[in-house]
Amino acid sequence: MIFITAKFRIKPEHADDWPQLSQEFTQACRSEEGCLWFDWSRSVDDSTEYVLVEAFRDEQAGAAHVQSAHFTTATQTLPTYLVATPKIINANVPGTDWSELGEMAVAQP
């Protein structure tokens, strides 16, 4: 799978509204056939920073994602709410789902 993590620094006046501002894009991405997940989190240290964790089934799914109309629209509209260009880590990794963190295994009753 293609595993992507990106950090978005939002202008302070738009930080609280980011989930709504990015909602249409988020829902469209989650609806893509090859999208495994597309999840936002807000930093506990910096209220203007959101982290996107996304994964796509394979390179074809990743290519379809960046070639989609909603991706093109997002690249044109969402940067107006950003302080800086997002930072990204993009990697191909084996598998199609999360693995358990064995070092913190929770005993089942």
PDB file of N, CA and C in Angstrom:
ATOM      1  N   MET A   1       0.842  -1.182   0.000  1.00  0.00           N
ATOM      2  CA  MET A   1       0.000   0.000   0.000  1.00  0.00           C
ATOM      3  C   MET A   1       0.881   1.236   0.000  1.00  0.00           C
ATOM      4  N   ILE A   2       0.291   2.340  -0.417  1.00  0.00           N
ATOM      5  CA  ILE A   2       0.954   3.636  -0.311  1.00  0.00           C
ATOM      6  C   ILE A   2       0.456   4.269   0.982  1.00  0.00           C
ATOM      7  N   PHE A   3       1.389   4.554   1.881  1.00  0.00           N
ATOM      8  CA  PHE A   3       1.070   5.135   3.187  1.00  0.00           C
ATOM      9  C   PHE A   3       1.594   6.559   3.196  1.00  0.00           C
ATOM     10  N   ILE A   4       0.717   7.504   3.508  1.00  0.00           N
ATOM     11  CA  ILE A   4       1.062   8.922   3.451  1.00  0.00           C
ATOM     12  C   ILE A   4       0.694   9.597   4.769  1.00  0.00           C
ATOM     13  N   THR A   5       1.604  10.395   5.262  1.00  0.00           N
ATOM     14  CA  THR A   5       1.338  11.258   6.409  1.00  0.00           C
ATOM     15  C   THR A   5       1.741  12.668   6.000  1.00  0.00           C
ATOM     16  N   ALA A   6       0.843  13.616   6.224  1.00  0.00           N
ATOM     17  CA  ALA A   6       1.135  15.001   5.859  1.00  0.00           C
ATOM     18  C   ALA A   6       0.721  15.928   7.000  1.00  0.00           C
ATOM     19  N   LYS A   7       1.538  16.955   7.214  1.00  0.00           N
ATOM     20  CA  LYS A   7       1.244  17.971   8.234  1.00  0.00           C
ATOM     21  C   LYS A   7       0.808  19.253   7.547  1.00  0.00           C
ATOM     22  N   PHE A   8      -0.329  19.759   7.983  1.00  0.00           N
ATOM     23  CA  PHE A   8      -0.906  20.986   7.441  1.00  0.00           C
ATOM     24  C   PHE A   8      -0.916  22.041   8.536  1.00  0.00           C
ATOM     25  N   ARG A   9      -0.309  23.196   8.276  1.00  0.00           N
ATOM     26  CA  ARG A   9      -0.368  24.326   9.205  1.00  0.00           C
ATOM     27  C   ARG A   9      -1.426  25.285   8.698  1.00  0.00           C
ATOM     28  N   ILE A  10      -2.485  25.428   9.466  1.00  0.00           N
ATOM     29  CA  ILE A  10      -3.643  26.215   9.076  1.00  0.00           C
ATOM     30  C   ILE A  10      -3.520  27.631   9.647  1.00  0.00           C
ATOM     31  N   LYS A  11      -3.983  28.616   8.894  1.00  0.00           N
ATOM     32  CA  LYS A  11      -4.006  29.983   9.415  1.00  0.00           C
ATOM     33  C   LYS A  11      -4.835  29.982  10.693  1.00  0.00           C
ATOM     34  N   PRO A  12      -4.358  30.659  11.744  1.00  0.00           N
ATOM     35  CA  PRO A  12      -5.040  30.617  13.047  1.00  0.00           C
ATOM     36  C   PRO A  12      -6.537  30.927  12.977  1.00  0.00           C
ATOM     37  N   GLU A  13      -6.910  31.870  12.139  1.00  0.00           N
ATOM     38  CA  GLU A  13      -8.321  32.246  12.067  1.00  0.00           C
ATOM     39  C   GLU A  13      -9.196  31.166  11.408  1.00  0.00           C
ATOM     40  N   HIS A  14      -8.576  30.162  10.793  1.00  0.00           N
ATOM     41  CA  HIS A  14      -9.326  29.079  10.143  1.00  0.00           C
ATOM     42  C   HIS A  14      -9.112  27.721  10.807  1.00  0.00           C
ATOM     43  N   ALA A  15      -8.262  27.661  11.816  1.00  0.00           N
ATOM     44  CA  ALA A  15      -7.896  26.366  12.405  1.00  0.00           C
ATOM     45  C   ALA A  15      -9.097  25.608  12.967  1.00  0.00           C
ATOM     46  N   ASP A  16      -9.973  26.277  13.663  1.00  0.00           N
ATOM     47  CA  ASP A  16     -11.138  25.586  14.231  1.00  0.00           C
ATOM     48  C   ASP A  16     -12.103  25.098  13.151  1.00  0.00           C
ATOM     49  N   ASP A  17     -12.083  25.752  12.005  1.00  0.00           N
ATOM     50  CA  ASP A  17     -13.000  25.409  10.921  1.00  0.00           C
ATOM     51  C   ASP A  17     -12.431  24.398   9.927  1.00  0.00           C
ATOM     52  N   TRP A  18     -11.173  23.999  10.099  1.00  0.00           N
ATOM     53  CA  TRP A  18     -10.534  23.116   9.119  1.00  0.00           C
ATOM     54  C   TRP A  18     -11.323  21.825   8.844  1.00  0.00           C
ATOM     55  N   PRO A  19     -11.867  21.157   9.849  1.00  0.00           N
ATOM     56  CA  PRO A  19     -12.633  19.938   9.527  1.00  0.00           C
ATOM     57  C   PRO A  19     -13.785  20.207   8.557  1.00  0.00           C
ATOM     58  N   GLN A  20     -14.463  21.325   8.699  1.00  0.00           N
ATOM     59  CA  GLN A  20     -15.549  21.659   7.794  1.00  0.00           C
ATOM     60  C   GLN A  20     -15.017  22.126   6.436  1.00  0.00           C
ATOM     61  N   LEU A  21     -13.941  22.909   6.455  1.00  0.00           N
ATOM     62  CA  LEU A  21     -13.360  23.412   5.212  1.00  0.00           C
ATOM     63  C   LEU A  21     -12.842  22.283   4.323  1.00  0.00           C
ATOM     64  N   SER A  22     -12.338  21.237   4.931  1.00  0.00           N
ATOM     65  CA  SER A  22     -11.769  20.106   4.172  1.00  0.00           C
ATOM     66  C   SER A  22     -12.744  18.936   4.049  1.00  0.00           C
ATOM     67  N   GLN A  23     -13.955  19.084   4.553  1.00  0.00           N
ATOM     68  CA  GLN A  23     -14.897  17.961   4.607  1.00  0.00           C
ATOM     69  C   GLN A  23     -15.258  17.400   3.233  1.00  0.00           C
ATOM     70  N   GLU A  24     -15.559  18.246   2.275  1.00  0.00           N
ATOM     71  CA  GLU A  24     -15.938  17.761   0.946  1.00  0.00           C
ATOM     72  C   GLU A  24     -14.797  16.956   0.325  1.00  0.00           C
ATOM     73  N   PHE A  25     -13.582  17.476   0.436  1.00  0.00           N
ATOM     74  CA  PHE A  25     -12.405  16.772  -0.065  1.00  0.00           C
ATOM     75  C   PHE A  25     -12.214  15.452   0.675  1.00  0.00           C
ATOM     76  N   THR A  26     -12.338  15.484   1.987  1.00  0.00           N
ATOM     77  CA  THR A  26     -12.162  14.284   2.804  1.00  0.00           C
ATOM     78  C   THR A  26     -13.155  13.198   2.402  1.00  0.00           C
ATOM     79  N   GLN A  27     -14.415  13.557   2.284  1.00  0.00           N
ATOM     80  CA  GLN A  27     -15.448  12.579   1.937  1.00  0.00           C
ATOM     81  C   GLN A  27     -15.222  12.015   0.537  1.00  0.00           C
ATOM     82  N   ALA A  28     -14.823  12.865  -0.389  1.00  0.00           N
ATOM     83  CA  ALA A  28     -14.561  12.391  -1.753  1.00  0.00           C
ATOM     84  C   ALA A  28     -13.387  11.411  -1.770  1.00  0.00           C
ATOM     85  N   CYS A  29     -12.339  11.719  -1.007  1.00  0.00           N
ATOM     86  CA  CYS A  29     -11.181  10.825  -0.949  1.00  0.00           C
ATOM     87  C   CYS A  29     -11.560   9.490  -0.315  1.00  0.00           C
ATOM     88  N   ARG A  30     -12.309   9.531   0.765  1.00  0.00           N
ATOM     89  CA  ARG A  30     -12.739   8.302   1.433  1.00  0.00           C
ATOM     90  C   ARG A  30     -13.611   7.434   0.531  1.00  0.00           C
ATOM     91  N   SER A  31     -14.263   8.047  -0.439  1.00  0.00           N
ATOM     92  CA  SER A  31     -15.138   7.310  -1.360  1.00  0.00           C
ATOM     93  C   SER A  31     -14.383   6.682  -2.528  1.00  0.00           C
ATOM     94  N   GLU A  32     -13.119   7.022  -2.698  1.00  0.00           N
ATOM     95  CA  GLU A  32     -12.342   6.446  -3.789  1.00  0.00           C
ATOM     96  C   GLU A  32     -12.202   4.938  -3.586  1.00  0.00           C
ATOM     97  N   GLU A  33     -12.322   4.198  -4.678  1.00  0.00           N
ATOM     98  CA  GLU A  33     -12.254   2.738  -4.615  1.00  0.00           C
ATOM     99  C   GLU A  33     -10.971   2.235  -3.939  1.00  0.00           C
ATOM    100  N   GLY A  34      -9.844   2.858  -4.221  1.00  0.00           N
ATOM    101  CA  GLY A  34      -8.566   2.376  -3.698  1.00  0.00           C
ATOM    102  C   GLY A  34      -8.122   2.991  -2.387  1.00  0.00           C
ATOM    103  N   CYS A  35      -8.964   3.845  -1.789  1.00  0.00           N
ATOM    104  CA  CYS A  35      -8.602   4.480  -0.517  1.00  0.00           C
ATOM    105  C   CYS A  35      -8.851   3.504   0.631  1.00  0.00           C
ATOM    106  N   LEU A  36      -7.817   3.248   1.417  1.00  0.00           N
ATOM    107  CA  LEU A  36      -7.948   2.380   2.587  1.00  0.00           C
ATOM    108  C   LEU A  36      -8.370   3.182   3.807  1.00  0.00           C
ATOM    109  N   TRP A  37      -7.826   4.370   3.969  1.00  0.00           N
ATOM    110  CA  TRP A  37      -8.269   5.307   5.005  1.00  0.00           C
ATOM    111  C   TRP A  37      -7.756   6.691   4.683  1.00  0.00           C
ATOM    112  N   PHE A  38      -8.423   7.688   5.283  1.00  0.00           N
ATOM    113  CA  PHE A  38      -8.109   9.092   5.058  1.00  0.00           C
ATOM    114  C   PHE A  38      -8.576   9.820   6.309  1.00  0.00           C
ATOM    115  N   ASP A  39      -7.675   9.997   7.281  1.00  0.00           N
ATOM    116  CA  ASP A  39      -8.053  10.463   8.614  1.00  0.00           C
ATOM    117  C   ASP A  39      -7.233  11.675   9.061  1.00  0.00           C
ATOM    118  N   TRP A  40      -7.947  12.668   9.571  1.00  0.00           N
ATOM    119  CA  TRP A  40      -7.329  13.874  10.110  1.00  0.00           C
ATOM    120  C   TRP A  40      -7.230  13.790  11.629  1.00  0.00           C
ATOM    121  N   SER A  41      -6.159  14.353  12.173  1.00  0.00           N
ATOM    122  CA  SER A  41      -6.004  14.539  13.617  1.00  0.00           C
ATOM    123  C   SER A  41      -5.460  15.943  13.843  1.00  0.00           C
ATOM    124  N   ARG A  42      -5.822  16.504  14.986  1.00  0.00           N
ATOM    125  CA  ARG A  42      -5.322  17.838  15.338  1.00  0.00           C
ATOM    126  C   ARG A  42      -4.231  17.686  16.391  1.00  0.00           C
ATOM    127  N   SER A  43      -3.160  18.418  16.219  1.00  0.00           N
ATOM    128  CA  SER A  43      -2.044  18.359  17.151  1.00  0.00           C
ATOM    129  C   SER A  43      -2.468  18.811  18.551  1.00  0.00           C
ATOM    130  N   VAL A  44      -1.986  18.124  19.564  1.00  0.00           N
ATOM    131  CA  VAL A  44      -2.253  18.557  20.942  1.00  0.00           C
ATOM    132  C   VAL A  44      -1.268  19.643  21.369  1.00  0.00           C
ATOM    133  N   ASP A  45      -0.193  19.846  20.599  1.00  0.00           N
ATOM    134  CA  ASP A  45       0.817  20.855  20.920  1.00  0.00           C
ATOM    135  C   ASP A  45       0.639  22.163  20.156  1.00  0.00           C
ATOM    136  N   ASP A  46       0.015  22.091  18.980  1.00  0.00           N
ATOM    137  CA  ASP A  46      -0.147  23.268  18.133  1.00  0.00           C
ATOM    138  C   ASP A  46      -1.546  23.216  17.517  1.00  0.00           C
ATOM    139  N   SER A  47      -2.439  24.050  17.988  1.00  0.00           N
ATOM    140  CA  SER A  47      -3.841  23.989  17.543  1.00  0.00           C
ATOM    141  C   SER A  47      -4.029  24.381  16.081  1.00  0.00           C
ATOM    142  N   THR A  48      -2.982  24.895  15.434  1.00  0.00           N
ATOM    143  CA  THR A  48      -3.084  25.237  14.013  1.00  0.00           C
ATOM    144  C   THR A  48      -2.559  24.119  13.119  1.00  0.00           C
ATOM    145  N   GLU A  49      -2.091  23.035  13.710  1.00  0.00           N
ATOM    146  CA  GLU A  49      -1.536  21.934  12.912  1.00  0.00           C
ATOM    147  C   GLU A  49      -2.480  20.738  12.884  1.00  0.00           C
ATOM    148  N   TYR A  50      -2.755  20.279  11.675  1.00  0.00           N
ATOM    149  CA  TYR A  50      -3.530  19.057  11.466  1.00  0.00           C
ATOM    150  C   TYR A  50      -2.630  18.049  10.762  1.00  0.00           C
ATOM    151  N   VAL A  51      -2.785  16.792  11.130  1.00  0.00           N
ATOM    152  CA  VAL A  51      -2.015  15.716  10.516  1.00  0.00           C
ATOM    153  C   VAL A  51      -2.988  14.806   9.771  1.00  0.00           C
ATOM    154  N   LEU A  52      -2.680  14.559   8.523  1.00  0.00           N
ATOM    155  CA  LEU A  52      -3.474  13.677   7.692  1.00  0.00           C
ATOM    156  C   LEU A  52      -2.746  12.351   7.555  1.00  0.00           C
ATOM    157  N   VAL A  53      -3.436  11.266   7.865  1.00  0.00           N
ATOM    158  CA  VAL A  53      -2.897   9.923   7.676  1.00  0.00           C
ATOM    159  C   VAL A  53      -3.796   9.250   6.651  1.00  0.00           C
ATOM    160  N   GLU A  54      -3.206   8.883   5.532  1.00  0.00           N
ATOM    161  CA  GLU A  54      -3.995   8.289   4.458  1.00  0.00           C
ATOM    162  C   GLU A  54      -3.258   7.100   3.861  1.00  0.00           C
ATOM    163  N   ALA A  55      -4.003   6.196   3.266  1.00  0.00           N
ATOM    164  CA  ALA A  55      -3.399   5.037   2.617  1.00  0.00           C
ATOM    165  C   ALA A  55      -4.233   4.648   1.410  1.00  0.00           C
ATOM    166  N   PHE A  56      -3.522   4.195   0.391  1.00  0.00           N
ATOM    167  CA  PHE A  56      -4.159   3.736  -0.831  1.00  0.00           C
ATOM    168  C   PHE A  56      -3.661   2.331  -1.157  1.00  0.00           C
ATOM    169  N   ARG A  57      -4.545   1.548  -1.717  1.00  0.00           N
ATOM    170  CA  ARG A  57      -4.298   0.127  -1.967  1.00  0.00           C
ATOM    171  C   ARG A  57      -2.980  -0.139  -2.700  1.00  0.00           C
ATOM    172  N   ASP A  58      -2.680   0.649  -3.734  1.00  0.00           N
ATOM    173  CA  ASP A  58      -1.493   0.416  -4.549  1.00  0.00           C
ATOM    174  C   ASP A  58      -1.178   1.682  -5.353  1.00  0.00           C
ATOM    175  N   GLU A  59      -0.156   1.595  -6.200  1.00  0.00           N
ATOM    176  CA  GLU A  59       0.253   2.764  -6.978  1.00  0.00           C
ATOM    177  C   GLU A  59      -0.844   3.250  -7.923  1.00  0.00           C
ATOM    178  N   GLN A  60      -1.625   2.331  -8.471  1.00  0.00           N
ATOM    179  CA  GLN A  60      -2.716   2.731  -9.363  1.00  0.00           C
ATOM    180  C   GLN A  60      -3.763   3.544  -8.597  1.00  0.00           C
ATOM    181  N   ALA A  61      -4.083   3.113  -7.381  1.00  0.00           N
ATOM    182  CA  ALA A  61      -5.049   3.841  -6.564  1.00  0.00           C
ATOM    183  C   ALA A  61      -4.497   5.217  -6.185  1.00  0.00           C
ATOM    184  N   GLY A  62      -3.203   5.283  -5.888  1.00  0.00           N
ATOM    185  CA  GLY A  62      -2.582   6.569  -5.577  1.00  0.00           C
ATOM    186  C   GLY A  62      -2.597   7.510  -6.766  1.00  0.00           C
ATOM    187  N   ALA A  63      -2.346   6.953  -7.953  1.00  0.00           N
ATOM    188  CA  ALA A  63      -2.377   7.772  -9.169  1.00  0.00           C
ATOM    189  C   ALA A  63      -3.793   8.275  -9.440  1.00  0.00           C
ATOM    190  N   ALA A  64      -4.783   7.406  -9.269  1.00  0.00           N
ATOM    191  CA  ALA A  64      -6.174   7.820  -9.469  1.00  0.00           C
ATOM    192  C   ALA A  64      -6.544   8.947  -8.495  1.00  0.00           C
ATOM    193  N   HIS A  65      -6.034   8.856  -7.273  1.00  0.00           N
ATOM    194  CA  HIS A  65      -6.303   9.878  -6.260  1.00  0.00           C
ATOM    195  C   HIS A  65      -5.798  11.247  -6.714  1.00  0.00           C
ATOM    196  N   VAL A  66      -4.526  11.329  -7.102  1.00  0.00           N
ATOM    197  CA  VAL A  66      -3.968  12.639  -7.470  1.00  0.00           C
ATOM    198  C   VAL A  66      -4.465  13.141  -8.822  1.00  0.00           C
ATOM    199  N   GLN A  67      -5.082  12.273  -9.601  1.00  0.00           N
ATOM    200  CA  GLN A  67      -5.639  12.679 -10.898  1.00  0.00           C
ATOM    201  C   GLN A  67      -7.140  12.969 -10.824  1.00  0.00           C
ATOM    202  N   SER A  68      -7.721  12.828  -9.636  1.00  0.00           N
ATOM    203  CA  SER A  68      -9.168  13.021  -9.490  1.00  0.00           C
ATOM    204  C   SER A  68      -9.537  14.508  -9.530  1.00  0.00           C
ATOM    205  N   ALA A  69     -10.775  14.761  -9.897  1.00  0.00           N
ATOM    206  CA  ALA A  69     -11.271  16.145  -9.937  1.00  0.00           C
ATOM    207  C   ALA A  69     -11.275  16.772  -8.552  1.00  0.00           C
ATOM    208  N   HIS A  70     -11.632  15.999  -7.522  1.00  0.00           N
ATOM    209  CA  HIS A  70     -11.673  16.578  -6.170  1.00  0.00           C
ATOM    210  C   HIS A  70     -10.271  16.907  -5.662  1.00  0.00           C
ATOM    211  N   PHE A  71      -9.246  16.147  -6.075  1.00  0.00           N
ATOM    212  CA  PHE A  71      -7.877  16.471  -5.692  1.00  0.00           C
ATOM    213  C   PHE A  71      -7.452  17.778  -6.364  1.00  0.00           C
ATOM    214  N   THR A  72      -7.764  17.915  -7.643  1.00  0.00           N
ATOM    215  CA  THR A  72      -7.433  19.148  -8.365  1.00  0.00           C
ATOM    216  C   THR A  72      -8.116  20.351  -7.720  1.00  0.00           C
ATOM    217  N   THR A  73      -9.381  20.200  -7.386  1.00  0.00           N
ATOM    218  CA  THR A  73     -10.115  21.286  -6.730  1.00  0.00           C
ATOM    219  C   THR A  73      -9.473  21.639  -5.391  1.00  0.00           C
ATOM    220  N   ALA A  74      -9.119  20.617  -4.612  1.00  0.00           N
ATOM    221  CA  ALA A  74      -8.503  20.865  -3.301  1.00  0.00           C
ATOM    222  C   ALA A  74      -7.174  21.598  -3.431  1.00  0.00           C
ATOM    223  N   THR A  75      -6.375  21.255  -4.443  1.00  0.00           N
ATOM    224  CA  THR A  75      -5.080  21.924  -4.603  1.00  0.00           C
ATOM    225  C   THR A  75      -5.249  23.386  -4.993  1.00  0.00           C
ATOM    226  N   GLN A  76      -6.418  23.722  -5.505  1.00  0.00           N
ATOM    227  CA  GLN A  76      -6.694  25.104  -5.887  1.00  0.00           C
ATOM    228  C   GLN A  76      -7.352  25.899  -4.768  1.00  0.00           C
ATOM    229  N   THR A  77      -8.130  25.241  -3.910  1.00  0.00           N
ATOM    230  CA  THR A  77      -8.904  25.969  -2.905  1.00  0.00           C
ATOM    231  C   THR A  77      -8.329  25.901  -1.490  1.00  0.00           C
ATOM    232  N   LEU A  78      -7.845  24.762  -1.075  1.00  0.00           N
ATOM    233  CA  LEU A  78      -7.412  24.608   0.321  1.00  0.00           C
ATOM    234  C   LEU A  78      -6.148  25.396   0.683  1.00  0.00           C
ATOM    235  N   PRO A  79      -5.184  25.599  -0.218  1.00  0.00           N
ATOM    236  CA  PRO A  79      -4.000  26.372   0.176  1.00  0.00           C
ATOM    237  C   PRO A  79      -4.292  27.785   0.673  1.00  0.00           C
ATOM    238  N   THR A  80      -5.421  28.353   0.327  1.00  0.00           N
ATOM    239  CA  THR A  80      -5.735  29.706   0.806  1.00  0.00           C
ATOM    240  C   THR A  80      -5.915  29.739   2.325  1.00  0.00           C
ATOM    241  N   TYR A  81      -6.132  28.576   2.943  1.00  0.00           N
ATOM    242  CA  TYR A  81      -6.312  28.493   4.397  1.00  0.00           C
ATOM    243  C   TYR A  81      -5.022  28.100   5.129  1.00  0.00           C
ATOM    244  N   LEU A  82      -3.948  27.894   4.389  1.00  0.00           N
ATOM    245  CA  LEU A  82      -2.701  27.387   4.965  1.00  0.00           C
ATOM    246  C   LEU A  82      -1.680  28.484   5.206  1.00  0.00           C
ATOM    247  N   VAL A  83      -0.844  28.263   6.234  1.00  0.00           N
ATOM    248  CA  VAL A  83       0.271  29.159   6.536  1.00  0.00           C
ATOM    249  C   VAL A  83       1.464  28.837   5.645  1.00  0.00           C
ATOM    250  N   ALA A  84       1.652  27.547   5.357  1.00  0.00           N
ATOM    251  CA  ALA A  84       2.810  27.083   4.596  1.00  0.00           C
ATOM    252  C   ALA A  84       2.431  25.840   3.797  1.00  0.00           C
ATOM    253  N   THR A  85       3.287  25.485   2.875  1.00  0.00           N
ATOM    254  CA  THR A  85       3.103  24.263   2.096  1.00  0.00           C
ATOM    255  C   THR A  85       3.152  23.063   3.035  1.00  0.00           C
ATOM    256  N   PRO A  86       2.188  22.147   2.932  1.00  0.00           N
ATOM    257  CA  PRO A  86       2.206  20.962   3.811  1.00  0.00           C
ATOM    258  C   PRO A  86       3.477  20.142   3.640  1.00  0.00           C
ATOM    259  N   LYS A  87       3.877  19.491   4.718  1.00  0.00           N
ATOM    260  CA  LYS A  87       5.023  18.572   4.717  1.00  0.00           C
ATOM    261  C   LYS A  87       4.467  17.162   4.602  1.00  0.00           C
ATOM    262  N   ILE A  88       5.174  16.288   3.875  1.00  0.00           N
ATOM    263  CA  ILE A  88       4.633  14.963   3.595  1.00  0.00           C
ATOM    264  C   ILE A  88       5.698  13.881   3.698  1.00  0.00           C
ATOM    265  N   ILE A  89       5.260  12.714   4.123  1.00  0.00           N
ATOM    266  CA  ILE A  89       6.048  11.487   4.031  1.00  0.00           C
ATOM    267  C   ILE A  89       5.181  10.511   3.257  1.00  0.00           C
ATOM    268  N   ASN A  90       5.747   9.938   2.212  1.00  0.00           N
ATOM    269  CA  ASN A  90       5.030   9.039   1.325  1.00  0.00           C
ATOM    270  C   ASN A  90       5.879   7.787   1.165  1.00  0.00           C
ATOM    271  N   ALA A  91       5.324   6.620   1.495  1.00  0.00           N
ATOM    272  CA  ALA A  91       6.102   5.386   1.419  1.00  0.00           C
ATOM    273  C   ALA A  91       5.238   4.229   0.950  1.00  0.00           C
ATOM    274  N   ASN A  92       5.849   3.328   0.218  1.00  0.00           N
ATOM    275  CA  ASN A  92       5.204   2.062  -0.117  1.00  0.00           C
ATOM    276  C   ASN A  92       5.539   1.081   0.992  1.00  0.00           C
ATOM    277  N   VAL A  93       4.527   0.474   1.560  1.00  0.00           N
ATOM    278  CA  VAL A  93       4.733  -0.488   2.643  1.00  0.00           C
ATOM    279  C   VAL A  93       3.902  -1.737   2.361  1.00  0.00           C
ATOM    280  N   PRO A  94       4.361  -2.879   2.854  1.00  0.00           N
ATOM    281  CA  PRO A  94       3.584  -4.101   2.639  1.00  0.00           C
ATOM    282  C   PRO A  94       2.310  -4.093   3.475  1.00  0.00           C
ATOM    283  N   GLY A  95       1.295  -4.793   2.987  1.00  0.00           N
ATOM    284  CA  GLY A  95       0.054  -4.930   3.739  1.00  0.00           C
ATOM    285  C   GLY A  95      -1.024  -4.001   3.243  1.00  0.00           C
ATOM    286  N   THR A  96      -2.202  -4.125   3.868  1.00  0.00           N
ATOM    287  CA  THR A  96      -3.342  -3.272   3.516  1.00  0.00           C
ATOM    288  C   THR A  96      -4.112  -2.822   4.755  1.00  0.00           C
ATOM    289  N   ASP A  97      -3.512  -2.981   5.924  1.00  0.00           N
ATOM    290  CA  ASP A  97      -4.190  -2.580   7.148  1.00  0.00           C
ATOM    291  C   ASP A  97      -3.150  -2.309   8.230  1.00  0.00           C
ATOM    292  N   TRP A  98      -3.609  -1.778   9.347  1.00  0.00           N
ATOM    293  CA  TRP A  98      -2.755  -1.511  10.493  1.00  0.00           C
ATOM    294  C   TRP A  98      -2.327  -2.825  11.147  1.00  0.00           C
ATOM    295  N   SER A  99      -1.132  -2.850  11.697  1.00  0.00           N
ATOM    296  CA  SER A  99      -0.657  -3.982  12.504  1.00  0.00           C
ATOM    297  C   SER A  99      -0.809  -3.614  13.971  1.00  0.00           C
ATOM    298  N   GLU A 100      -0.868  -4.619  14.829  1.00  0.00           N
ATOM    299  CA  GLU A 100      -0.946  -4.345  16.261  1.00  0.00           C
ATOM    300  C   GLU A 100       0.424  -3.956  16.804  1.00  0.00           C
ATOM    301  N   LEU A 101       0.435  -3.067  17.780  1.00  0.00           N
ATOM    302  CA  LEU A 101       1.652  -2.655  18.481  1.00  0.00           C
ATOM    303  C   LEU A 101       1.846  -3.635  19.627  1.00  0.00           C
ATOM    304  N   GLY A 102       2.577  -4.692  19.353  1.00  0.00           N
ATOM    305  CA  GLY A 102       2.732  -5.796  20.308  1.00  0.00           C
ATOM    306  C   GLY A 102       3.283  -5.377  21.659  1.00  0.00           C
ATOM    307  N   GLU A 103       4.141  -4.355  21.677  1.00  0.00           N
ATOM    308  CA  GLU A 103       4.724  -3.914  22.941  1.00  0.00           C
ATOM    309  C   GLU A 103       3.693  -3.310  23.894  1.00  0.00           C
ATOM    310  N   MET A 104       2.530  -2.966  23.375  1.00  0.00           N
ATOM    311  CA  MET A 104       1.469  -2.412  24.221  1.00  0.00           C
ATOM    312  C   MET A 104       0.208  -3.267  24.143  1.00  0.00           C
ATOM    313  N   ALA A 105       0.412  -4.556  23.991  1.00  0.00           N
ATOM    314  CA  ALA A 105      -0.721  -5.457  23.855  1.00  0.00           C
ATOM    315  C   ALA A 105      -1.644  -5.357  25.067  1.00  0.00           C
ATOM    316  N   VAL A 106      -2.919  -5.358  24.800  1.00  0.00           N
ATOM    317  CA  VAL A 106      -3.931  -5.300  25.836  1.00  0.00           C
ATOM    318  C   VAL A 106      -4.489  -6.703  26.032  1.00  0.00           C
ATOM    319  N   ALA A 107      -4.422  -7.172  27.270  1.00  0.00           N
ATOM    320  CA  ALA A 107      -4.938  -8.507  27.553  1.00  0.00           C
ATOM    321  C   ALA A 107      -6.456  -8.513  27.425  1.00  0.00           C
ATOM    322  N   GLN A 108      -6.959  -9.511  26.758  1.00  0.00           N
ATOM    323  CA  GLN A 108      -8.403  -9.658  26.592  1.00  0.00           C
ATOM    324  C   GLN A 108      -8.959 -10.523  27.726  1.00  0.00           C
ATOM    325  N   PRO A 109     -10.071 -10.107  28.332  1.00  0.00           N
ATOM    326  CA  PRO A 109     -10.653 -10.884  29.447  1.00  0.00           C
ATOM    327  C   PRO A 109     -11.171 -12.239  29.002  1.00  0.00           C
TER     328      PRO A 109
END
